[in-house]
Amino acid sequence: MSSCPKCQGSMESGFIPDFNYGSVLELKWVEGPPEKGLLRNLKTKGKRQFAISTDRCTRCGYLDLYARETNPPR
């Protein structure tokens, strides 16, 4: 288990959910600036995407976010 860079408290792993039309998805980081597509959606096809995991300090609440690659572009 790692320690908090702010207060040296214990860090616990978790994630930030992305609520979308009745489903719960994993939050993702997408490369590049946001570009609008059809129906006001954002374009993500062909861009590198990384799932975001989060560590939280149990003492001060500090959040540390990490991104790991999930779907390489095709």
N, C-alpha and C. Protein backbone atom coordinates (compact mmCIF):
# COMPACT_ATOMS: atom_id res chain seq x y z
N MET A 1 0.85 -1.17 0.00
CA MET A 1 0.00 0.00 0.00
C MET A 1 0.90 1.24 0.00
N SER A 2 0.54 2.23 -0.78
CA SER A 2 1.35 3.45 -0.86
C SER A 2 0.89 4.48 0.18
N SER A 3 1.71 5.51 0.32
CA SER A 3 1.35 6.56 1.27
C SER A 3 1.06 7.85 0.53
N CYS A 4 0.25 8.70 1.12
CA CYS A 4 -0.20 9.97 0.54
C CYS A 4 0.98 10.94 0.39
N PRO A 5 1.13 11.57 -0.78
CA PRO A 5 2.21 12.53 -0.96
C PRO A 5 1.97 13.83 -0.18
N LYS A 6 0.76 14.06 0.30
CA LYS A 6 0.43 15.29 1.04
C LYS A 6 0.61 15.13 2.55
N CYS A 7 0.08 14.01 3.11
CA CYS A 7 0.08 13.86 4.58
C CYS A 7 0.66 12.53 5.06
N GLN A 8 1.11 11.68 4.14
CA GLN A 8 1.67 10.35 4.43
C GLN A 8 0.65 9.37 5.02
N GLY A 9 -0.65 9.67 4.85
CA GLY A 9 -1.70 8.73 5.25
C GLY A 9 -1.74 7.55 4.29
N SER A 10 -2.57 6.57 4.57
CA SER A 10 -2.72 5.38 3.71
C SER A 10 -3.56 5.70 2.49
N MET A 11 -3.15 5.17 1.35
CA MET A 11 -3.90 5.34 0.10
C MET A 11 -4.67 4.05 -0.19
N GLU A 12 -5.92 4.20 -0.64
CA GLU A 12 -6.72 3.04 -1.06
C GLU A 12 -7.12 3.23 -2.51
N SER A 13 -7.17 2.13 -3.27
CA SER A 13 -7.49 2.17 -4.69
C SER A 13 -8.99 2.23 -4.92
N GLY A 14 -9.39 2.85 -6.02
CA GLY A 14 -10.80 2.92 -6.41
C GLY A 14 -10.92 3.46 -7.82
N PHE A 15 -12.11 3.92 -8.19
CA PHE A 15 -12.33 4.49 -9.51
C PHE A 15 -13.44 5.52 -9.44
N ILE A 16 -13.52 6.37 -10.48
CA ILE A 16 -14.58 7.36 -10.57
C ILE A 16 -15.53 6.87 -11.66
N PRO A 17 -16.78 6.56 -11.33
CA PRO A 17 -17.71 6.04 -12.33
C PRO A 17 -18.18 7.13 -13.29
N ASP A 18 -18.52 6.72 -14.51
CA ASP A 18 -19.08 7.59 -15.53
C ASP A 18 -20.51 7.09 -15.77
N PHE A 19 -21.49 7.82 -15.24
CA PHE A 19 -22.89 7.43 -15.38
C PHE A 19 -23.40 7.87 -16.74
N ASN A 20 -23.97 6.91 -17.52
CA ASN A 20 -24.36 7.20 -18.90
C ASN A 20 -25.60 6.41 -19.27
N TYR A 21 -26.72 7.09 -19.41
CA TYR A 21 -27.98 6.48 -19.88
C TYR A 21 -28.31 5.16 -19.20
N GLY A 22 -28.32 5.15 -17.89
CA GLY A 22 -28.71 3.97 -17.14
C GLY A 22 -27.61 2.94 -16.94
N SER A 23 -26.40 3.22 -17.42
CA SER A 23 -25.29 2.30 -17.20
C SER A 23 -24.16 3.02 -16.47
N VAL A 24 -23.30 2.25 -15.87
CA VAL A 24 -22.15 2.82 -15.18
C VAL A 24 -20.90 2.33 -15.90
N LEU A 25 -20.11 3.27 -16.39
CA LEU A 25 -18.91 2.94 -17.15
C LEU A 25 -17.67 3.40 -16.39
N GLU A 26 -16.52 2.97 -16.87
CA GLU A 26 -15.26 3.38 -16.28
C GLU A 26 -14.83 4.70 -16.93
N LEU A 27 -14.45 5.68 -16.13
CA LEU A 27 -13.99 6.97 -16.62
C LEU A 27 -12.72 6.77 -17.44
N LYS A 28 -12.58 7.51 -18.56
CA LYS A 28 -11.42 7.35 -19.43
C LYS A 28 -10.80 8.69 -19.76
N TRP A 29 -9.49 8.67 -19.99
CA TRP A 29 -8.75 9.80 -20.54
C TRP A 29 -8.60 9.52 -22.02
N VAL A 30 -8.87 10.54 -22.89
CA VAL A 30 -8.76 10.38 -24.34
C VAL A 30 -7.77 11.43 -24.84
N GLU A 31 -6.85 11.00 -25.71
CA GLU A 31 -5.83 11.93 -26.19
C GLU A 31 -6.42 13.06 -27.04
N GLY A 32 -5.79 14.20 -27.00
CA GLY A 32 -6.16 15.35 -27.83
C GLY A 32 -7.29 16.17 -27.25
N PRO A 33 -7.55 17.32 -27.87
CA PRO A 33 -8.64 18.18 -27.40
C PRO A 33 -9.99 17.58 -27.76
N PRO A 34 -11.05 17.92 -27.02
CA PRO A 34 -12.38 17.39 -27.36
C PRO A 34 -12.87 17.93 -28.71
N GLU A 35 -13.42 17.03 -29.52
CA GLU A 35 -13.99 17.40 -30.82
C GLU A 35 -15.43 16.91 -30.86
N LYS A 36 -16.34 17.80 -31.24
CA LYS A 36 -17.75 17.40 -31.31
C LYS A 36 -18.01 16.59 -32.58
N GLY A 37 -18.82 15.54 -32.41
CA GLY A 37 -19.22 14.69 -33.52
C GLY A 37 -20.71 14.84 -33.75
N LEU A 38 -21.31 13.80 -34.29
CA LEU A 38 -22.75 13.80 -34.54
C LEU A 38 -23.52 13.76 -33.22
N LEU A 39 -24.68 14.33 -33.19
CA LEU A 39 -25.57 14.31 -32.04
C LEU A 39 -24.91 14.84 -30.76
N ARG A 40 -24.00 15.78 -30.91
CA ARG A 40 -23.32 16.43 -29.79
C ARG A 40 -22.43 15.50 -28.97
N ASN A 41 -22.16 14.31 -29.50
CA ASN A 41 -21.22 13.40 -28.86
C ASN A 41 -19.81 13.88 -29.12
N LEU A 42 -18.86 13.42 -28.31
CA LEU A 42 -17.46 13.72 -28.56
C LEU A 42 -16.83 12.59 -29.35
N LYS A 43 -15.96 12.95 -30.29
CA LYS A 43 -15.27 11.95 -31.11
C LYS A 43 -14.17 11.29 -30.29
N THR A 44 -14.17 9.94 -30.31
CA THR A 44 -13.12 9.20 -29.61
C THR A 44 -12.49 8.13 -30.51
N LYS A 45 -13.13 7.84 -31.65
CA LYS A 45 -12.64 6.78 -32.53
C LYS A 45 -11.24 7.12 -33.05
N GLY A 46 -10.34 6.11 -32.96
CA GLY A 46 -8.99 6.29 -33.46
C GLY A 46 -8.06 7.02 -32.51
N LYS A 47 -8.56 7.42 -31.35
CA LYS A 47 -7.73 8.12 -30.37
C LYS A 47 -7.33 7.14 -29.27
N ARG A 48 -6.12 7.33 -28.75
CA ARG A 48 -5.70 6.49 -27.63
C ARG A 48 -6.57 6.78 -26.42
N GLN A 49 -6.94 5.71 -25.70
CA GLN A 49 -7.80 5.84 -24.53
C GLN A 49 -7.20 5.09 -23.36
N PHE A 50 -7.31 5.70 -22.19
CA PHE A 50 -6.75 5.12 -20.98
C PHE A 50 -7.81 5.13 -19.89
N ALA A 51 -8.05 3.99 -19.27
CA ALA A 51 -8.97 3.92 -18.13
C ALA A 51 -8.33 4.67 -16.97
N ILE A 52 -9.12 5.40 -16.20
CA ILE A 52 -8.61 6.17 -15.07
C ILE A 52 -8.91 5.43 -13.78
N SER A 53 -7.85 5.12 -13.04
CA SER A 53 -8.01 4.56 -11.70
C SER A 53 -7.57 5.64 -10.72
N THR A 54 -8.07 5.57 -9.51
CA THR A 54 -7.82 6.62 -8.53
C THR A 54 -7.43 6.03 -7.19
N ASP A 55 -6.42 6.63 -6.58
CA ASP A 55 -6.08 6.31 -5.20
C ASP A 55 -6.55 7.47 -4.33
N ARG A 56 -7.10 7.14 -3.15
CA ARG A 56 -7.62 8.15 -2.24
C ARG A 56 -6.97 7.99 -0.88
N CYS A 57 -6.55 9.12 -0.29
CA CYS A 57 -5.97 9.08 1.04
C CYS A 57 -7.08 8.92 2.06
N THR A 58 -6.90 7.95 2.95
CA THR A 58 -7.92 7.70 3.98
C THR A 58 -7.88 8.75 5.09
N ARG A 59 -6.81 9.53 5.15
CA ARG A 59 -6.69 10.56 6.18
C ARG A 59 -7.18 11.93 5.69
N CYS A 60 -6.63 12.43 4.58
CA CYS A 60 -6.96 13.81 4.15
C CYS A 60 -7.88 13.87 2.93
N GLY A 61 -8.11 12.73 2.24
CA GLY A 61 -9.02 12.72 1.10
C GLY A 61 -8.38 13.07 -0.23
N TYR A 62 -7.08 13.32 -0.26
CA TYR A 62 -6.37 13.64 -1.50
C TYR A 62 -6.60 12.53 -2.53
N LEU A 63 -6.85 12.91 -3.79
CA LEU A 63 -7.04 11.94 -4.88
C LEU A 63 -5.84 11.99 -5.81
N ASP A 64 -5.36 10.83 -6.21
CA ASP A 64 -4.25 10.69 -7.14
C ASP A 64 -4.77 9.83 -8.29
N LEU A 65 -4.85 10.41 -9.50
CA LEU A 65 -5.41 9.71 -10.64
C LEU A 65 -4.32 9.13 -11.53
N TYR A 66 -4.58 7.93 -12.06
CA TYR A 66 -3.65 7.25 -12.95
C TYR A 66 -4.43 6.79 -14.19
N ALA A 67 -3.76 6.79 -15.35
CA ALA A 67 -4.39 6.35 -16.60
C ALA A 67 -3.60 5.19 -17.18
N ARG A 68 -4.29 4.08 -17.49
CA ARG A 68 -3.65 2.94 -18.13
C ARG A 68 -4.37 2.67 -19.44
N GLU A 69 -3.63 2.34 -20.48
CA GLU A 69 -4.20 2.16 -21.82
C GLU A 69 -5.20 1.02 -21.84
N THR A 70 -6.38 1.27 -22.44
CA THR A 70 -7.41 0.24 -22.52
C THR A 70 -7.63 -0.22 -23.96
N ASN A 71 -7.79 0.69 -24.89
CA ASN A 71 -8.07 0.33 -26.28
C ASN A 71 -7.13 1.08 -27.22
N PRO A 72 -6.10 0.40 -27.75
CA PRO A 72 -5.23 1.08 -28.71
C PRO A 72 -6.01 1.43 -29.98
N PRO A 73 -5.65 2.51 -30.69
CA PRO A 73 -6.38 2.89 -31.91
C PRO A 73 -6.26 1.82 -32.98
N ARG A 74 -7.26 1.75 -33.84
CA ARG A 74 -7.26 0.76 -34.94
C ARG A 74 -6.97 1.45 -36.25
